[in-house]
């Protein structure tokens, strides 16, 4: 059925349509075989030999870098806790208030008058009256009494903001506060009064 004048037409037809036998362009054939060759090398390099950085390896490397940065920041914060002074910056205090209302209010009430946790507005603090004591309590938590260790959940700047906000609440006298527990009076008067 193929005419010698029409060498590109195939010998079969369907519904009156005859198929052409075109050769593929040379560049397309080279591209096809180049992709196949690349796939074989890729498979061998990444999956058989395991030489390349797969996503899991990249994640582990980035986690090591992130953990090192976090450890450095926490160590720097731990060293500065003893000399830190509470912030009076309204932006820092607003951040501290927002974090306090979200994370601390369920145990200390939104006015810090104490619920499950102690009253934070009086001058009698269980773990020490100074700002550094406040920071250390937030940072390390009190696991034996059910308070979380916040250093694993909050950034050092957030711990500082919450500590600064809590320090402003001393002497605020909320309605119906929880009675004082251990009596540790402050060495210095509250500078926010």
N, C-alpha and C. Protein backbone atom coordinates (compact mmCIF):
# COMPACT_ATOMS: atom_id res chain seq x y z
N UNK A 1 0.80 -1.18 0.00
CA UNK A 1 0.00 0.00 0.00
C UNK A 1 0.85 1.26 0.00
N UNK A 2 2.08 1.15 0.34
CA UNK A 2 2.98 2.30 0.38
C UNK A 2 3.49 2.58 -1.02
N UNK A 3 3.22 3.80 -1.49
CA UNK A 3 3.71 4.19 -2.80
C UNK A 3 5.19 4.53 -2.72
N UNK A 4 5.88 4.29 -3.79
CA UNK A 4 7.29 4.65 -3.81
C UNK A 4 7.47 6.15 -3.82
N UNK A 5 6.44 6.87 -4.23
CA UNK A 5 6.50 8.33 -4.24
C UNK A 5 6.30 8.89 -2.84
N UNK A 6 5.72 8.14 -1.93
CA UNK A 6 5.40 8.60 -0.58
C UNK A 6 6.07 7.70 0.46
N UNK A 7 7.40 7.79 0.65
CA UNK A 7 8.08 6.84 1.54
C UNK A 7 7.77 7.08 3.03
N UNK A 8 7.23 8.23 3.42
CA UNK A 8 6.97 8.49 4.83
C UNK A 8 5.65 7.90 5.31
N UNK A 9 4.77 7.51 4.43
CA UNK A 9 3.48 6.97 4.84
C UNK A 9 3.63 5.50 5.23
N UNK A 10 2.99 5.16 6.35
CA UNK A 10 3.01 3.79 6.83
C UNK A 10 2.00 2.97 6.03
N UNK A 11 2.10 1.64 6.17
CA UNK A 11 1.24 0.75 5.39
C UNK A 11 -0.15 0.57 5.98
N UNK A 12 -0.46 1.15 7.07
CA UNK A 12 -1.79 0.95 7.64
C UNK A 12 -2.54 2.27 7.74
N UNK A 13 -3.84 2.15 7.86
CA UNK A 13 -4.66 3.34 8.02
C UNK A 13 -5.79 3.02 8.97
N UNK A 14 -6.34 4.06 9.61
CA UNK A 14 -7.47 3.92 10.53
C UNK A 14 -8.42 5.07 10.26
N UNK A 15 -9.67 4.72 9.96
CA UNK A 15 -10.69 5.72 9.65
C UNK A 15 -10.26 6.64 8.52
N UNK A 16 -9.56 6.14 7.58
CA UNK A 16 -9.14 6.92 6.44
C UNK A 16 -7.93 7.80 6.69
N UNK A 17 -7.29 7.61 7.85
CA UNK A 17 -6.11 8.41 8.19
C UNK A 17 -4.90 7.51 8.11
N UNK A 18 -3.90 7.96 7.37
CA UNK A 18 -2.66 7.19 7.25
C UNK A 18 -1.58 7.84 8.11
N UNK A 19 -0.81 7.03 8.78
CA UNK A 19 0.21 7.50 9.71
C UNK A 19 1.51 7.77 8.98
N UNK A 20 2.16 8.87 9.37
CA UNK A 20 3.46 9.20 8.81
C UNK A 20 4.57 8.57 9.64
N UNK A 21 5.64 8.21 9.00
CA UNK A 21 6.81 7.65 9.68
C UNK A 21 7.93 8.69 9.64
N UNK A 22 7.78 9.72 10.45
CA UNK A 22 8.80 10.78 10.50
C UNK A 22 9.93 10.36 11.42
N UNK A 23 11.12 10.69 11.03
CA UNK A 23 12.25 10.47 11.93
C UNK A 23 12.28 11.63 12.92
N UNK A 24 12.67 11.30 14.15
CA UNK A 24 12.78 12.34 15.17
C UNK A 24 13.98 13.22 14.89
N UNK A 25 13.93 14.49 15.26
CA UNK A 25 15.11 15.34 15.07
C UNK A 25 16.29 14.82 15.88
N UNK A 26 17.48 15.00 15.34
CA UNK A 26 18.68 14.49 15.97
C UNK A 26 18.87 15.09 17.38
N UNK A 27 18.60 16.39 17.58
CA UNK A 27 18.77 17.02 18.89
C UNK A 27 17.84 16.40 19.92
N UNK A 28 16.63 15.99 19.49
CA UNK A 28 15.68 15.39 20.42
C UNK A 28 16.17 14.02 20.86
N UNK A 29 16.70 13.24 19.95
CA UNK A 29 17.22 11.91 20.28
C UNK A 29 18.39 12.02 21.25
N UNK A 30 19.33 12.97 20.99
CA UNK A 30 20.46 13.16 21.91
C UNK A 30 19.97 13.62 23.29
N UNK A 31 18.97 14.48 23.35
CA UNK A 31 18.42 14.94 24.62
C UNK A 31 17.78 13.78 25.38
N UNK A 32 17.04 12.94 24.68
CA UNK A 32 16.41 11.78 25.29
C UNK A 32 17.44 10.86 25.93
N UNK A 33 18.49 10.51 25.16
CA UNK A 33 19.50 9.60 25.70
C UNK A 33 20.36 10.28 26.77
N UNK A 34 20.57 11.58 26.65
CA UNK A 34 21.29 12.31 27.70
C UNK A 34 20.52 12.29 29.02
N UNK A 35 19.20 12.44 28.95
CA UNK A 35 18.37 12.39 30.18
C UNK A 35 18.42 11.00 30.81
N UNK A 36 18.37 9.96 29.97
CA UNK A 36 18.46 8.60 30.49
C UNK A 36 19.81 8.35 31.16
N UNK A 37 20.87 8.81 30.54
CA UNK A 37 22.20 8.65 31.11
C UNK A 37 22.33 9.41 32.43
N UNK A 38 21.82 10.64 32.45
CA UNK A 38 21.83 11.42 33.69
C UNK A 38 21.07 10.70 34.79
N UNK A 39 19.92 10.11 34.47
CA UNK A 39 19.11 9.40 35.47
C UNK A 39 19.87 8.23 36.07
N UNK A 40 20.62 7.51 35.24
CA UNK A 40 21.40 6.36 35.74
C UNK A 40 22.48 6.85 36.70
N UNK A 41 23.22 7.90 36.33
CA UNK A 41 24.26 8.44 37.22
C UNK A 41 23.67 9.02 38.50
N UNK A 42 22.56 9.71 38.39
CA UNK A 42 21.89 10.28 39.56
C UNK A 42 21.47 9.19 40.53
N UNK A 43 20.83 8.16 40.00
CA UNK A 43 20.39 7.04 40.83
C UNK A 43 21.58 6.40 41.54
N UNK A 44 22.65 6.16 40.80
CA UNK A 44 23.83 5.54 41.42
C UNK A 44 24.47 6.43 42.47
N UNK A 45 24.63 7.71 42.17
CA UNK A 45 25.33 8.63 43.08
C UNK A 45 24.55 8.87 44.36
N UNK A 46 23.26 9.16 44.26
CA UNK A 46 22.47 9.54 45.43
C UNK A 46 21.86 8.34 46.17
N UNK A 47 21.39 7.35 45.43
CA UNK A 47 20.62 6.29 46.07
C UNK A 47 21.39 4.99 46.28
N UNK A 48 22.30 4.66 45.40
CA UNK A 48 23.05 3.43 45.57
C UNK A 48 24.28 3.67 46.43
N UNK A 49 25.10 4.68 46.05
CA UNK A 49 26.31 4.98 46.81
C UNK A 49 26.03 5.85 48.04
N UNK A 50 24.95 6.60 48.00
CA UNK A 50 24.62 7.48 49.13
C UNK A 50 25.60 8.62 49.31
N UNK A 51 26.24 9.04 48.25
CA UNK A 51 27.29 10.06 48.34
C UNK A 51 26.74 11.48 48.44
N UNK A 52 25.65 11.75 47.80
CA UNK A 52 25.15 13.12 47.74
C UNK A 52 24.40 13.52 49.00
N UNK A 53 24.16 14.82 49.14
CA UNK A 53 23.39 15.33 50.28
C UNK A 53 21.91 15.19 49.98
N UNK A 54 21.31 14.19 50.55
CA UNK A 54 19.86 14.04 50.42
C UNK A 54 19.20 14.97 51.43
N UNK A 55 17.89 15.09 51.36
CA UNK A 55 17.18 16.02 52.24
C UNK A 55 17.39 15.68 53.72
N UNK A 56 17.46 14.41 54.04
CA UNK A 56 17.64 14.02 55.44
C UNK A 56 19.00 14.48 55.95
N UNK A 57 20.04 14.30 55.13
CA UNK A 57 21.38 14.74 55.52
C UNK A 57 21.44 16.26 55.65
N UNK A 58 20.81 16.97 54.71
CA UNK A 58 20.79 18.43 54.77
C UNK A 58 20.06 18.89 56.03
N UNK A 59 18.96 18.23 56.34
CA UNK A 59 18.20 18.57 57.56
C UNK A 59 19.06 18.35 58.80
N UNK A 60 19.75 17.23 58.86
CA UNK A 60 20.58 16.94 60.02
C UNK A 60 21.72 17.95 60.16
N UNK A 61 22.31 18.35 59.03
CA UNK A 61 23.37 19.35 59.08
C UNK A 61 22.83 20.70 59.55
N UNK A 62 21.67 21.10 59.05
CA UNK A 62 21.08 22.36 59.48
C UNK A 62 20.66 22.31 60.94
N UNK A 63 20.20 21.16 61.42
CA UNK A 63 19.83 21.03 62.83
C UNK A 63 21.06 21.17 63.73
N UNK A 64 22.20 20.63 63.30
CA UNK A 64 23.43 20.78 64.08
C UNK A 64 23.82 22.25 64.19
N UNK A 65 23.72 22.97 63.08
CA UNK A 65 24.04 24.40 63.09
C UNK A 65 23.05 25.15 63.97
N UNK A 66 21.76 24.83 63.84
CA UNK A 66 20.73 25.48 64.65
C UNK A 66 20.91 25.19 66.13
N UNK A 67 21.23 23.94 66.47
CA UNK A 67 21.45 23.59 67.88
C UNK A 67 22.66 24.32 68.45
N UNK A 68 23.70 24.49 67.64
CA UNK A 68 24.89 25.22 68.11
C UNK A 68 24.54 26.69 68.35
N UNK A 69 23.77 27.30 67.46
CA UNK A 69 23.36 28.69 67.65
C UNK A 69 22.50 28.82 68.90
N UNK A 70 21.57 27.89 69.08
CA UNK A 70 20.69 27.91 70.25
C UNK A 70 21.49 27.74 71.54
N UNK A 71 22.44 26.80 71.55
CA UNK A 71 23.25 26.57 72.75
C UNK A 71 24.08 27.81 73.09
N UNK A 72 24.61 28.48 72.08
CA UNK A 72 25.38 29.70 72.30
C UNK A 72 24.51 30.80 72.89
N UNK A 73 23.31 30.96 72.33
CA UNK A 73 22.39 31.99 72.83
C UNK A 73 21.97 31.69 74.27
N UNK A 74 21.68 30.43 74.57
CA UNK A 74 21.28 30.07 75.94
C UNK A 74 22.43 30.27 76.92
N UNK A 75 23.65 29.91 76.52
CA UNK A 75 24.81 30.09 77.40
C UNK A 75 25.05 31.58 77.68
N UNK A 76 24.92 32.40 76.65
CA UNK A 76 25.09 33.85 76.81
C UNK A 76 24.02 34.41 77.74
N UNK A 77 22.79 33.92 77.58
CA UNK A 77 21.68 34.38 78.44
C UNK A 77 21.89 33.94 79.89
N UNK A 78 22.34 32.70 80.09
CA UNK A 78 22.60 32.21 81.45
C UNK A 78 23.66 33.06 82.15
N UNK A 79 24.69 33.47 81.40
CA UNK A 79 25.75 34.30 82.00
C UNK A 79 25.24 35.69 82.34
N UNK A 80 24.31 36.19 81.54
CA UNK A 80 23.84 37.57 81.77
C UNK A 80 22.71 37.65 82.78
N UNK A 81 22.16 36.53 83.22
CA UNK A 81 21.02 36.56 84.14
C UNK A 81 21.36 37.22 85.47
N UNK A 82 22.54 37.00 85.98
CA UNK A 82 22.90 37.53 87.29
C UNK A 82 23.01 39.05 87.31
N UNK A 83 23.30 39.64 86.18
CA UNK A 83 23.48 41.10 86.13
C UNK A 83 22.34 41.81 85.40
N UNK A 84 21.35 41.06 84.95
CA UNK A 84 20.26 41.66 84.16
C UNK A 84 19.37 42.54 85.03
N UNK A 85 18.89 43.59 84.43
CA UNK A 85 17.92 44.48 85.06
C UNK A 85 16.63 44.39 84.27
N UNK A 86 15.48 44.54 84.93
CA UNK A 86 14.22 44.46 84.20
C UNK A 86 14.09 45.60 83.19
N UNK A 87 13.48 45.29 82.08
CA UNK A 87 13.30 46.28 81.03
C UNK A 87 12.13 47.20 81.37
N UNK A 88 12.26 48.45 80.96
CA UNK A 88 11.16 49.40 81.09
C UNK A 88 10.64 49.80 79.72
N UNK A 89 11.16 49.15 78.68
CA UNK A 89 10.75 49.43 77.31
C UNK A 89 9.31 48.94 77.10
N UNK A 90 8.40 49.81 76.66
CA UNK A 90 7.00 49.39 76.47
C UNK A 90 6.83 48.25 75.47
N UNK A 91 7.68 48.19 74.46
CA UNK A 91 7.58 47.12 73.46
C UNK A 91 7.93 45.77 74.11
N UNK A 92 8.99 45.75 74.89
CA UNK A 92 9.40 44.51 75.57
C UNK A 92 8.33 44.10 76.58
N UNK A 93 7.80 45.06 77.32
CA UNK A 93 6.77 44.75 78.31
C UNK A 93 5.49 44.25 77.64
N UNK A 94 5.14 44.81 76.49
CA UNK A 94 3.95 44.34 75.76
C UNK A 94 4.15 42.92 75.27
N UNK A 95 5.36 42.61 74.78
CA UNK A 95 5.65 41.24 74.36
C UNK A 95 5.57 40.30 75.57
N UNK A 96 6.13 40.74 76.68
CA UNK A 96 6.09 39.92 77.90
C UNK A 96 4.67 39.68 78.37
N UNK A 97 3.84 40.70 78.29
CA UNK A 97 2.44 40.56 78.70
C UNK A 97 1.72 39.56 77.81
N UNK A 98 1.94 39.66 76.49
CA UNK A 98 1.28 38.74 75.57
C UNK A 98 1.70 37.29 75.85
N UNK A 99 2.98 37.08 76.07
CA UNK A 99 3.46 35.73 76.36
C UNK A 99 2.93 35.26 77.71
N UNK A 100 2.90 36.17 78.71
CA UNK A 100 2.39 35.81 80.03
C UNK A 100 0.92 35.38 79.93
N UNK A 101 0.12 36.15 79.21
CA UNK A 101 -1.31 35.82 79.10
C UNK A 101 -1.52 34.50 78.39
N UNK A 102 -0.66 34.16 77.46
CA UNK A 102 -0.81 32.92 76.72
C UNK A 102 -0.24 31.72 77.49
N UNK A 103 0.93 31.88 78.08
CA UNK A 103 1.64 30.73 78.65
C UNK A 103 1.51 30.61 80.18
N UNK A 104 1.46 31.74 80.86
CA UNK A 104 1.55 31.71 82.32
C UNK A 104 0.21 31.89 83.02
N UNK A 105 -0.71 32.60 82.37
CA UNK A 105 -2.00 32.91 83.00
C UNK A 105 -2.81 31.68 83.41
N UNK A 106 -2.73 30.55 82.70
CA UNK A 106 -3.51 29.39 83.16
C UNK A 106 -3.16 28.95 84.59
N UNK A 107 -1.94 29.19 85.03
CA UNK A 107 -1.55 28.79 86.39
C UNK A 107 -1.47 29.98 87.36
N UNK A 108 -1.17 31.16 86.85
CA UNK A 108 -0.97 32.32 87.73
C UNK A 108 -2.08 33.36 87.61
N UNK A 109 -3.11 33.11 86.82
CA UNK A 109 -4.21 34.02 86.50
C UNK A 109 -3.71 35.16 85.60
N UNK A 110 -4.61 35.77 84.91
CA UNK A 110 -4.23 36.84 83.99
C UNK A 110 -3.75 38.09 84.73
N UNK A 111 -4.19 38.26 85.98
CA UNK A 111 -3.71 39.40 86.77
C UNK A 111 -2.55 39.01 87.68
N UNK A 112 -2.04 37.79 87.52
CA UNK A 112 -0.90 37.23 88.28
C UNK A 112 -1.19 37.06 89.75
N UNK A 113 -2.47 37.00 90.12
CA UNK A 113 -2.84 36.84 91.52
C UNK A 113 -2.68 35.43 92.05
N UNK A 114 -2.37 34.48 91.20
CA UNK A 114 -2.12 33.11 91.63
C UNK A 114 -3.36 32.24 91.51
N UNK A 115 -3.17 31.06 90.99
CA UNK A 115 -4.24 30.08 90.89
C UNK A 115 -3.65 28.75 91.34
N UNK A 116 -3.16 27.95 90.43
CA UNK A 116 -2.39 26.76 90.79
C UNK A 116 -0.98 27.20 91.18
N UNK A 117 -0.44 28.13 90.40
CA UNK A 117 0.87 28.70 90.70
C UNK A 117 0.74 29.79 91.74
N UNK A 118 1.86 30.25 92.28
CA UNK A 118 1.81 31.26 93.35
C UNK A 118 1.42 32.66 92.85
N UNK A 119 1.06 33.48 93.82
CA UNK A 119 0.75 34.89 93.58
C UNK A 119 2.06 35.60 93.21
N UNK A 120 2.07 36.29 92.08
CA UNK A 120 3.27 36.98 91.63
C UNK A 120 3.21 38.49 91.89
N UNK A 121 2.16 38.94 92.58
CA UNK A 121 2.00 40.38 92.78
C UNK A 121 2.41 40.84 94.18
N UNK A 122 2.62 39.91 95.08
CA UNK A 122 3.00 40.33 96.44
C UNK A 122 4.52 40.39 96.57
N UNK A 123 5.00 40.70 97.75
CA UNK A 123 6.44 40.81 98.00
C UNK A 123 7.03 39.53 98.58
N UNK A 124 6.29 38.44 98.54
CA UNK A 124 6.74 37.19 99.12
C UNK A 124 6.85 36.15 98.00
N UNK A 125 8.06 35.97 97.53
CA UNK A 125 8.28 35.07 96.41
C UNK A 125 9.01 33.82 96.88
N UNK A 126 8.54 32.68 96.42
CA UNK A 126 9.06 31.39 96.87
C UNK A 126 10.52 31.18 96.47
N UNK A 127 10.88 31.57 95.26
CA UNK A 127 12.21 31.24 94.72
C UNK A 127 13.16 32.43 94.69
N UNK A 128 12.87 33.46 95.44
CA UNK A 128 13.76 34.60 95.51
C UNK A 128 13.11 35.87 95.03
N UNK A 129 13.46 36.98 95.65
CA UNK A 129 12.77 38.24 95.38
C UNK A 129 13.39 39.09 94.26
N UNK A 130 14.59 38.74 93.83
CA UNK A 130 15.28 39.59 92.86
C UNK A 130 14.89 39.25 91.43
N UNK A 131 15.15 40.18 90.54
CA UNK A 131 14.83 39.97 89.12
C UNK A 131 15.56 38.76 88.57
N UNK A 132 16.82 38.57 88.96
CA UNK A 132 17.57 37.40 88.47
C UNK A 132 16.94 36.10 88.96
N UNK A 133 16.37 36.11 90.17
CA UNK A 133 15.67 34.92 90.67
C UNK A 133 14.43 34.63 89.82
N UNK A 134 13.76 35.71 89.45
CA UNK A 134 12.59 35.60 88.60
C UNK A 134 12.97 34.97 87.26
N UNK A 135 14.04 35.47 86.64
CA UNK A 135 14.49 34.93 85.36
C UNK A 135 14.90 33.47 85.48
N UNK A 136 15.62 33.13 86.54
CA UNK A 136 16.07 31.75 86.72
C UNK A 136 14.89 30.80 86.93
N UNK A 137 13.87 31.28 87.64
CA UNK A 137 12.68 30.44 87.85
C UNK A 137 11.96 30.19 86.54
N UNK A 138 11.81 31.23 85.72
CA UNK A 138 11.17 31.05 84.42
C UNK A 138 12.03 30.15 83.54
N UNK A 139 13.32 30.40 83.52
CA UNK A 139 14.26 29.68 82.66
C UNK A 139 14.30 28.19 83.01
N UNK A 140 14.50 27.88 84.27
CA UNK A 140 14.65 26.49 84.70
C UNK A 140 13.34 25.82 85.07
N UNK A 141 12.30 26.62 85.35
CA UNK A 141 11.04 26.06 85.79
C UNK A 141 11.14 25.49 87.19
N UNK A 142 10.05 24.92 87.63
CA UNK A 142 10.02 24.22 88.92
C UNK A 142 9.30 22.89 88.66
N UNK A 143 9.99 21.94 88.04
CA UNK A 143 9.34 20.69 87.64
C UNK A 143 8.68 19.94 88.79
N UNK A 144 9.27 20.00 89.99
CA UNK A 144 8.68 19.27 91.12
C UNK A 144 7.33 19.84 91.54
N UNK A 145 7.04 21.08 91.16
CA UNK A 145 5.74 21.68 91.47
C UNK A 145 4.87 21.83 90.22
N UNK A 146 5.34 21.32 89.09
CA UNK A 146 4.55 21.33 87.88
C UNK A 146 4.81 22.48 86.93
N UNK A 147 5.79 23.35 87.22
CA UNK A 147 6.08 24.46 86.31
C UNK A 147 7.09 23.99 85.26
N UNK A 148 6.75 24.25 84.02
CA UNK A 148 7.59 23.84 82.90
C UNK A 148 8.95 24.52 82.91
N UNK A 149 9.90 23.87 82.29
CA UNK A 149 11.20 24.48 82.02
C UNK A 149 11.05 25.25 80.72
N UNK A 150 10.94 26.57 80.81
CA UNK A 150 10.61 27.38 79.65
C UNK A 150 11.80 27.61 78.72
N UNK A 151 13.02 27.26 79.13
CA UNK A 151 14.18 27.48 78.26
C UNK A 151 14.11 26.64 77.00
N UNK A 152 13.36 25.56 77.02
CA UNK A 152 13.24 24.73 75.82
C UNK A 152 12.11 25.21 74.91
N UNK A 153 11.24 26.08 75.41
CA UNK A 153 10.08 26.51 74.63
C UNK A 153 10.14 27.98 74.22
N UNK A 154 10.80 28.80 75.01
CA UNK A 154 10.87 30.23 74.72
C UNK A 154 12.29 30.66 74.40
N UNK A 155 12.41 31.68 73.60
CA UNK A 155 13.72 32.26 73.30
C UNK A 155 14.18 33.05 74.53
N UNK A 156 15.49 33.25 74.68
CA UNK A 156 15.98 34.05 75.80
C UNK A 156 15.35 35.45 75.85
N UNK A 157 15.15 36.08 74.70
CA UNK A 157 14.53 37.41 74.69
C UNK A 157 13.10 37.34 75.19
N UNK A 158 12.40 36.26 74.93
CA UNK A 158 11.03 36.11 75.41
C UNK A 158 11.00 35.87 76.92
N UNK A 159 11.94 35.10 77.41
CA UNK A 159 12.03 34.88 78.86
C UNK A 159 12.31 36.20 79.56
N UNK A 160 13.21 36.98 79.00
CA UNK A 160 13.53 38.29 79.57
C UNK A 160 12.30 39.20 79.54
N UNK A 161 11.54 39.18 78.45
CA UNK A 161 10.34 40.01 78.34
C UNK A 161 9.30 39.61 79.38
N UNK A 162 9.08 38.30 79.54
CA UNK A 162 8.10 37.83 80.53
C UNK A 162 8.56 38.18 81.94
N UNK A 163 9.85 37.97 82.21
CA UNK A 163 10.37 38.33 83.54
C UNK A 163 10.22 39.81 83.84
N UNK A 164 10.48 40.63 82.84
CA UNK A 164 10.33 42.09 83.02
C UNK A 164 8.87 42.45 83.27
N UNK A 165 7.97 41.84 82.53
CA UNK A 165 6.55 42.12 82.72
C UNK A 165 6.08 41.68 84.11
N UNK A 166 6.47 40.48 84.52
CA UNK A 166 6.07 39.99 85.84
C UNK A 166 6.60 40.91 86.94
N UNK A 167 7.80 41.41 86.74
CA UNK A 167 8.40 42.30 87.74
C UNK A 167 7.60 43.60 87.90
N UNK A 168 6.92 44.04 86.82
CA UNK A 168 6.10 45.25 86.92
C UNK A 168 4.82 45.01 87.71
N UNK A 169 4.43 43.75 87.88
CA UNK A 169 3.18 43.43 88.56
C UNK A 169 3.30 43.39 90.08
N UNK A 170 4.52 43.45 90.58
CA UNK A 170 4.70 43.42 92.04
C UNK A 170 4.00 44.61 92.66
N UNK A 171 3.20 44.33 93.67
CA UNK A 171 2.49 45.38 94.40
C UNK A 171 1.23 45.86 93.69
N UNK A 172 0.77 45.13 92.66
CA UNK A 172 -0.42 45.59 91.93
C UNK A 172 -1.73 45.26 92.64
N UNK A 173 -1.72 44.40 93.64
CA UNK A 173 -2.89 44.07 94.46
C UNK A 173 -4.12 43.70 93.65
N UNK A 174 -4.11 42.56 92.98
CA UNK A 174 -5.29 42.14 92.23
C UNK A 174 -6.41 41.71 93.18
N UNK A 175 -7.64 41.67 92.72
CA UNK A 175 -8.74 41.23 93.58
C UNK A 175 -8.62 39.74 93.90
N UNK A 176 -8.87 39.40 95.15
CA UNK A 176 -8.89 38.02 95.62
C UNK A 176 -7.61 37.26 95.25
N UNK A 177 -6.45 37.74 95.71
CA UNK A 177 -5.21 37.04 95.38
C UNK A 177 -5.03 35.78 96.20
N UNK A 178 -4.23 34.89 95.70
CA UNK A 178 -3.87 33.68 96.44
C UNK A 178 -3.01 34.09 97.63
N UNK A 179 -3.24 33.50 98.81
CA UNK A 179 -2.41 33.87 99.97
C UNK A 179 -0.95 33.50 99.74
N UNK A 180 -0.08 34.25 100.40
CA UNK A 180 1.36 34.01 100.22
C UNK A 180 1.74 32.62 100.71
N UNK A 181 2.79 32.12 100.11
CA UNK A 181 3.25 30.78 100.47
C UNK A 181 4.51 30.92 101.31
N UNK A 182 5.69 30.63 100.75
CA UNK A 182 6.93 30.83 101.51
C UNK A 182 7.22 32.32 101.57
N UNK A 183 7.68 32.78 102.69
CA UNK A 183 7.91 34.20 102.87
C UNK A 183 9.36 34.57 102.57
N UNK A 184 9.62 35.01 101.37
CA UNK A 184 10.93 35.54 101.00
C UNK A 184 10.70 36.97 100.61
N UNK A 185 11.10 37.89 101.49
CA UNK A 185 10.87 39.31 101.22
C UNK A 185 11.97 39.86 100.34
N UNK A 186 11.66 40.87 99.55
CA UNK A 186 12.67 41.43 98.67
C UNK A 186 13.74 42.19 99.43
N UNK A 187 14.95 42.16 98.87
CA UNK A 187 16.06 42.91 99.46
C UNK A 187 15.95 44.39 99.13
N UNK A 188 15.30 44.72 98.05
CA UNK A 188 15.16 46.10 97.66
C UNK A 188 13.71 46.37 97.29
N UNK A 189 13.24 47.60 97.42
CA UNK A 189 11.85 47.87 97.08
C UNK A 189 11.63 47.77 95.58
N UNK A 190 10.37 47.56 95.21
CA UNK A 190 10.02 47.46 93.81
C UNK A 190 10.21 48.80 93.14
N UNK A 191 11.00 48.84 92.09
CA UNK A 191 11.30 50.10 91.43
C UNK A 191 10.18 50.57 90.51
N UNK A 192 9.13 49.75 90.37
CA UNK A 192 8.01 50.14 89.51
C UNK A 192 6.88 50.79 90.30
N UNK A 193 6.96 50.81 91.62
CA UNK A 193 5.89 51.40 92.42
C UNK A 193 5.92 52.90 92.33
